[in-house]
C-alpha atoms as a PDB file:
ATOM      1  CA  UNK A   1       8.078   4.822   8.862  1.00  0.00           C
ATOM      2  CA  UNK A   2       8.967   7.407   6.628  1.00  0.00           C
ATOM      3  CA  UNK A   3      12.121   6.156   6.022  1.00  0.00           C
ATOM      4  CA  UNK A   4      10.288   3.012   4.838  1.00  0.00           C
ATOM      5  CA  UNK A   5       7.889   5.045   2.491  1.00  0.00           C
ATOM      6  CA  UNK A   6      10.973   6.698   1.321  1.00  0.00           C
ATOM      7  CA  UNK A   7      13.170   3.833   0.652  1.00  0.00           C
ATOM      8  CA  UNK A   8       9.764   2.062  -0.702  1.00  0.00           C
ATOM      9  CA  UNK A   9       8.739   4.839  -3.187  1.00  0.00           C
ATOM     10  CA  UNK A  10      12.595   5.325  -4.914  1.00  0.00           C
ATOM     11  CA  UNK A  11      12.801   1.856  -5.562  1.00  0.00           C
ATOM     12  CA  UNK A  12       9.394   1.705  -7.000  1.00  0.00           C
ATOM     13  CA  UNK A  13      10.384   4.583  -9.234  1.00  0.00           C
ATOM     14  CA  UNK A  14      13.579   3.815 -10.079  1.00  0.00           C
ATOM     15  CA  UNK A  15      13.936   0.140  -9.946  1.00  0.00           C
ATOM     16  CA  UNK A  16      10.972  -1.850 -10.121  1.00  0.00           C
ATOM     17  CA  UNK A  17       9.087   0.479 -12.962  1.00  0.00           C
ATOM     18  CA  UNK A  18      12.271  -0.299 -15.427  1.00  0.00           C
ATOM     19  CA  UNK A  19      11.967  -4.502 -15.283  1.00  0.00           C
ATOM     20  CA  UNK A  20       9.439  -4.277 -18.097  1.00  0.00           C
ATOM     21  CA  UNK A  21       7.178  -6.693 -16.227  1.00  0.00           C
ATOM     22  CA  UNK A  22       3.385  -7.408 -18.508  1.00  0.00           C
ATOM     23  CA  UNK A  23       0.974  -5.848 -16.470  1.00  0.00           C
ATOM     24  CA  UNK A  24       1.067  -3.151 -14.149  1.00  0.00           C
ATOM     25  CA  UNK A  25       4.139  -2.048 -12.442  1.00  0.00           C
ATOM     26  CA  UNK A  26       4.769  -3.693  -8.721  1.00  0.00           C
ATOM     27  CA  UNK A  27       3.133  -1.492  -6.205  1.00  0.00           C
ATOM     28  CA  UNK A  28       5.799  -1.295  -3.760  1.00  0.00           C
ATOM     29  CA  UNK A  29       4.415   1.555  -2.165  1.00  0.00           C
ATOM     30  CA  UNK A  30       1.193  -0.039  -1.729  1.00  0.00           C
ATOM     31  CA  UNK A  31       2.514  -2.933   0.233  1.00  0.00           C
ATOM     32  CA  UNK A  32       4.473  -0.482   2.291  1.00  0.00           C
ATOM     33  CA  UNK A  33       1.709   1.346   3.869  1.00  0.00           C
ATOM     34  CA  UNK A  34      -0.376  -1.975   4.540  1.00  0.00           C
ATOM     35  CA  UNK A  35       2.992  -3.633   6.282  1.00  0.00           C
ATOM     36  CA  UNK A  36       2.653  -0.908   8.409  1.00  0.00           C
ATOM     37  CA  UNK A  37      -0.758  -0.680   8.948  1.00  0.00           C
ATOM     38  CA  UNK A  38      -0.865  -4.176   9.958  1.00  0.00           C
ATOM     39  CA  UNK A  39       1.873  -3.542  12.476  1.00  0.00           C
ATOM     40  CA  UNK A  40       1.238  -0.031  13.763  1.00  0.00           C
ATOM     41  CA  UNK A  41      -2.965   0.094  13.514  1.00  0.00           C
ATOM     42  CA  UNK A  42      -5.182   2.018  11.270  1.00  0.00           C
ATOM     43  CA  UNK A  43      -4.481   5.546  12.452  1.00  0.00           C
ATOM     44  CA  UNK A  44      -0.764   5.325  11.932  1.00  0.00           C
ATOM     45  CA  UNK A  45      -1.832   3.105   8.467  1.00  0.00           C
ATOM     46  CA  UNK A  46      -3.653   6.065   7.454  1.00  0.00           C
ATOM     47  CA  UNK A  47      -1.174   8.299   8.200  1.00  0.00           C
ATOM     48  CA  UNK A  48       1.461   6.171   6.354  1.00  0.00           C
ATOM     49  CA  UNK A  49      -0.947   6.028   3.586  1.00  0.00           C
ATOM     50  CA  UNK A  50      -1.620   9.627   3.683  1.00  0.00           C
ATOM     51  CA  UNK A  51       2.470  10.474   3.250  1.00  0.00           C
ATOM     52  CA  UNK A  52       3.307   7.745   0.860  1.00  0.00           C
ATOM     53  CA  UNK A  53       0.274   8.879  -1.415  1.00  0.00           C
ATOM     54  CA  UNK A  54       1.121  12.412  -1.295  1.00  0.00           C
ATOM     55  CA  UNK A  55       4.770  11.587  -2.446  1.00  0.00           C
ATOM     56  CA  UNK A  56       3.891   9.527  -5.488  1.00  0.00           C
ATOM     57  CA  UNK A  57       1.425  12.569  -6.256  1.00  0.00           C
ATOM     58  CA  UNK A  58       4.677  14.744  -6.600  1.00  0.00           C
ATOM     59  CA  UNK A  59       7.111  12.371  -7.665  1.00  0.00           C
ATOM     60  CA  UNK A  60       7.897  12.458 -11.185  1.00  0.00           C
ATOM     61  CA  UNK A  61       6.571  10.986 -13.772  1.00  0.00           C
ATOM     62  CA  UNK A  62       2.977  10.822 -12.073  1.00  0.00           C
ATOM     63  CA  UNK A  63       0.618  11.635 -14.742  1.00  0.00           C
ATOM     64  CA  UNK A  64      -2.627  11.703 -11.689  1.00  0.00           C
ATOM     65  CA  UNK A  65      -3.770  14.454 -10.492  1.00  0.00           C
ATOM     66  CA  UNK A  66      -2.814  15.687  -7.419  1.00  0.00           C
ATOM     67  CA  UNK A  67      -4.387  14.163  -4.188  1.00  0.00           C
ATOM     68  CA  UNK A  68      -6.025  11.463  -5.816  1.00  0.00           C
ATOM     69  CA  UNK A  69      -2.852   9.004  -4.349  1.00  0.00           C
ATOM     70  CA  UNK A  70      -3.346  10.189  -1.374  1.00  0.00           C
ATOM     71  CA  UNK A  71      -6.883  10.164  -0.268  1.00  0.00           C
ATOM     72  CA  UNK A  72      -6.313   6.158  -2.140  1.00  0.00           C
ATOM     73  CA  UNK A  73      -3.405   5.264  -0.229  1.00  0.00           C
ATOM     74  CA  UNK A  74      -5.254   7.182   3.143  1.00  0.00           C
ATOM     75  CA  UNK A  75      -8.413   4.992   2.880  1.00  0.00           C
ATOM     76  CA  UNK A  76      -5.965   1.462   2.174  1.00  0.00           C
ATOM     77  CA  UNK A  77      -3.778   2.529   4.983  1.00  0.00           C
ATOM     78  CA  UNK A  78      -6.477   3.022   7.392  1.00  0.00           C
ATOM     79  CA  UNK A  79      -8.685   0.154   6.317  1.00  0.00           C
ATOM     80  CA  UNK A  80      -5.609  -2.914   5.985  1.00  0.00           C
ATOM     81  CA  UNK A  81      -5.056  -1.581   9.664  1.00  0.00           C
ATOM     82  CA  UNK A  82      -8.449  -2.376  10.632  1.00  0.00           C
ATOM     83  CA  UNK A  83      -9.141  -5.540   8.822  1.00  0.00           C
ATOM     84  CA  UNK A  84      -8.615  -8.054  11.674  1.00  0.00           C
ATOM     85  CA  UNK A  85      -7.981  -9.203  15.216  1.00  0.00           C
ATOM     86  CA  UNK A  86      -3.960  -8.934  14.868  1.00  0.00           C
ATOM     87  CA  UNK A  87      -3.844 -12.260  17.009  1.00  0.00           C
ATOM     88  CA  UNK A  88      -6.282 -13.851  14.153  1.00  0.00           C
ATOM     89  CA  UNK A  89      -4.209 -12.856  11.437  1.00  0.00           C
ATOM     90  CA  UNK A  90      -2.276 -16.191   9.416  1.00  0.00           C
ATOM     91  CA  UNK A  91       0.153 -15.897   6.536  1.00  0.00           C
ATOM     92  CA  UNK A  92      -2.956 -16.248   3.612  1.00  0.00           C
ATOM     93  CA  UNK A  93      -5.233 -13.801   4.972  1.00  0.00           C
ATOM     94  CA  UNK A  94      -2.138 -11.192   5.456  1.00  0.00           C
ATOM     95  CA  UNK A  95      -1.423 -11.859   1.604  1.00  0.00           C
ATOM     96  CA  UNK A  96      -4.882 -11.852   0.668  1.00  0.00           C
ATOM     97  CA  UNK A  97      -4.918  -8.405   2.380  1.00  0.00           C
ATOM     98  CA  UNK A  98      -2.234  -7.231   0.820  1.00  0.00           C
ATOM     99  CA  UNK A  99      -3.200  -8.726  -3.036  1.00  0.00           C
ATOM    100  CA  UNK A 100      -6.850  -7.152  -2.290  1.00  0.00           C
ATOM    101  CA  UNK A 101      -5.104  -3.882  -1.150  1.00  0.00           C
ATOM    102  CA  UNK A 102      -3.016  -3.709  -4.416  1.00  0.00           C
ATOM    103  CA  UNK A 103      -6.258  -4.212  -6.980  1.00  0.00           C
ATOM    104  CA  UNK A 104      -8.339  -1.902  -5.046  1.00  0.00           C
ATOM    105  CA  UNK A 105      -5.292   1.206  -5.353  1.00  0.00           C
ATOM    106  CA  UNK A 106      -5.133   0.187  -9.036  1.00  0.00           C
ATOM    107  CA  UNK A 107      -8.961   0.623  -9.386  1.00  0.00           C
ATOM    108  CA  UNK A 108      -9.623   3.360  -6.732  1.00  0.00           C
ATOM    109  CA  UNK A 109      -7.031   5.751  -8.871  1.00  0.00           C
ATOM    110  CA  UNK A 110      -7.894   4.524 -12.036  1.00  0.00           C
ATOM    111  CA  UNK A 111     -11.452   5.055 -11.068  1.00  0.00           C
ATOM    112  CA  UNK A 112     -10.839   8.636  -9.662  1.00  0.00           C
ATOM    113  CA  UNK A 113      -8.661   9.769 -12.349  1.00  0.00           C
ATOM    114  CA  UNK A 114     -11.325   8.907 -14.997  1.00  0.00           C
ATOM    115  CA  UNK A 115     -14.125  10.740 -13.216  1.00  0.00           C
ATOM    116  CA  UNK A 116     -12.022  13.516 -13.278  1.00  0.00           C
ATOM    117  CA  UNK A 117     -11.501  13.244 -16.911  1.00  0.00           C
ATOM    118  CA  UNK A 118      -7.879  12.077 -16.967  1.00  0.00           C
ATOM    119  CA  UNK A 119      -7.677  11.327 -21.187  1.00  0.00           C
ATOM    120  CA  UNK A 120      -4.685   8.134 -20.323  1.00  0.00           C
ATOM    121  CA  UNK A 121      -6.953   6.192 -18.322  1.00  0.00           C
ATOM    122  CA  UNK A 122      -7.843   2.705 -21.195  1.00  0.00           C
ATOM    123  CA  UNK A 123     -10.795   1.044 -19.402  1.00  0.00           C
ATOM    124  CA  UNK A 124      -9.822  -1.894 -21.291  1.00  0.00           C
ATOM    125  CA  UNK A 125      -6.540  -2.091 -19.874  1.00  0.00           C
ATOM    126  CA  UNK A 126      -8.016  -2.188 -16.530  1.00  0.00           C
ATOM    127  CA  UNK A 127      -8.678  -5.336 -16.070  1.00  0.00           C
ATOM    128  CA  UNK A 128      -5.520  -6.557 -16.698  1.00  0.00           C
ATOM    129  CA  UNK A 129      -3.642  -3.699 -14.332  1.00  0.00           C
ATOM    130  CA  UNK A 130      -5.714  -4.746 -11.370  1.00  0.00           C
ATOM    131  CA  UNK A 131      -5.367  -8.713 -11.595  1.00  0.00           C
ATOM    132  CA  UNK A 132      -1.690  -8.240 -12.370  1.00  0.00           C
ATOM    133  CA  UNK A 133      -0.939  -5.364  -9.669  1.00  0.00           C
ATOM    134  CA  UNK A 134      -2.616  -8.247  -7.004  1.00  0.00           C
ATOM    135  CA  UNK A 135      -0.615 -10.942  -8.356  1.00  0.00           C
ATOM    136  CA  UNK A 136       2.840  -8.783  -7.692  1.00  0.00           C
ATOM    137  CA  UNK A 137       1.444  -7.441  -4.375  1.00  0.00           C
ATOM    138  CA  UNK A 138       0.609 -11.174  -3.278  1.00  0.00           C
ATOM    139  CA  UNK A 139       4.493 -11.532  -4.387  1.00  0.00           C
ATOM    140  CA  UNK A 140       5.916  -9.002  -2.439  1.00  0.00           C
ATOM    141  CA  UNK A 141       3.875  -9.791   0.508  1.00  0.00           C
ATOM    142  CA  UNK A 142       5.959 -12.215   2.407  1.00  0.00           C
ATOM    143  CA  UNK A 143       8.938 -10.353   1.442  1.00  0.00           C
ATOM    144  CA  UNK A 144       7.554  -6.767   2.674  1.00  0.00           C
ATOM    145  CA  UNK A 145       5.230  -7.893   5.706  1.00  0.00           C
ATOM    146  CA  UNK A 146       8.034  -9.630   7.732  1.00  0.00           C
ATOM    147  CA  UNK A 147      10.478  -6.880   7.757  1.00  0.00           C
ATOM    148  CA  UNK A 148       8.352  -3.418   8.249  1.00  0.00           C
ATOM    149  CA  UNK A 149       7.134  -5.816  10.965  1.00  0.00           C
ATOM    150  CA  UNK A 150      10.133  -6.761  12.344  1.00  0.00           C
ATOM    151  CA  UNK A 151      11.535  -3.025  11.665  1.00  0.00           C
ATOM    152  CA  UNK A 152       8.587  -1.543  13.927  1.00  0.00           C
ATOM    153  CA  UNK A 153       8.710  -3.708  16.768  1.00  0.00           C
ATOM    154  CA  UNK A 154      12.782  -3.146  16.776  1.00  0.00           C
ATOM    155  CA  UNK A 155      12.222   0.939  16.354  1.00  0.00           C
ATOM    156  CA  UNK A 156       9.062   1.258  18.361  1.00  0.00           C
ATOM    157  CA  UNK A 157       8.475  -1.589  20.779  1.00  0.00           C
ATOM    158  CA  UNK A 158       6.242   0.276  22.558  1.00  0.00           C
ATOM    159  CA  UNK A 159       3.766  -0.120  19.865  1.00  0.00           C
ATOM    160  CA  UNK A 160       1.981  -3.246  21.045  1.00  0.00           C
ATOM    161  CA  UNK A 161      -1.729  -3.521  19.231  1.00  0.00           C
ATOM    162  CA  UNK A 162      -4.149  -4.809  21.794  1.00  0.00           C
ATOM    163  CA  UNK A 163      -7.192  -7.287  20.953  1.00  0.00           C
ATOM    164  CA  UNK A 164      -9.597  -4.177  18.883  1.00  0.00           C
ATOM    165  CA  UNK A 165      -6.430  -3.504  16.748  1.00  0.00           C
ATOM    166  CA  UNK A 166      -5.929  -0.231  18.781  1.00  0.00           C
ATOM    167  CA  UNK A 167      -2.144   0.920  20.093  1.00  0.00           C
ATOM    168  CA  UNK A 168      -2.071  -0.069  23.713  1.00  0.00           C
ATOM    169  CA  UNK A 169       0.768  -0.750  25.823  1.00  0.00           C
ATOM    170  CA  UNK A 170       1.917  -4.165  26.014  1.00  0.00           C
END
């Protein structure tokens, strides 16, 4: 889990942020947190989200108050793990969860930063940043979610989600 989060953070900050894509930077970290939550459940998703947010908060060039990303990513990881019964998840629903999560991360981070008085929040750009973030999340989901699920099955085969989405013995 830690290596997936670290890899996603390094790739997001060193490669994806420099691509010059229109709108928001593709949020590989949120997609990774959601993928971990879908594969391992809400508790592990929350832990992964908190860890990912904390790393993003302290990684340069962070411009948010320390803790905002930790809180937002923790909530996203927990809610994504609770989203549906694992047996009812289809590809479109999974991609939709990722898209909503990336859009939610953009909105929540912007809202909390604005409430705490960050002068860098430009409210007129929030809709376009939210939509582009969701689009990039939807585009990354088919690559990241199956890869993380495959890694989780190989590394931690004892983690099998039962009917209610909690870890059980398979």
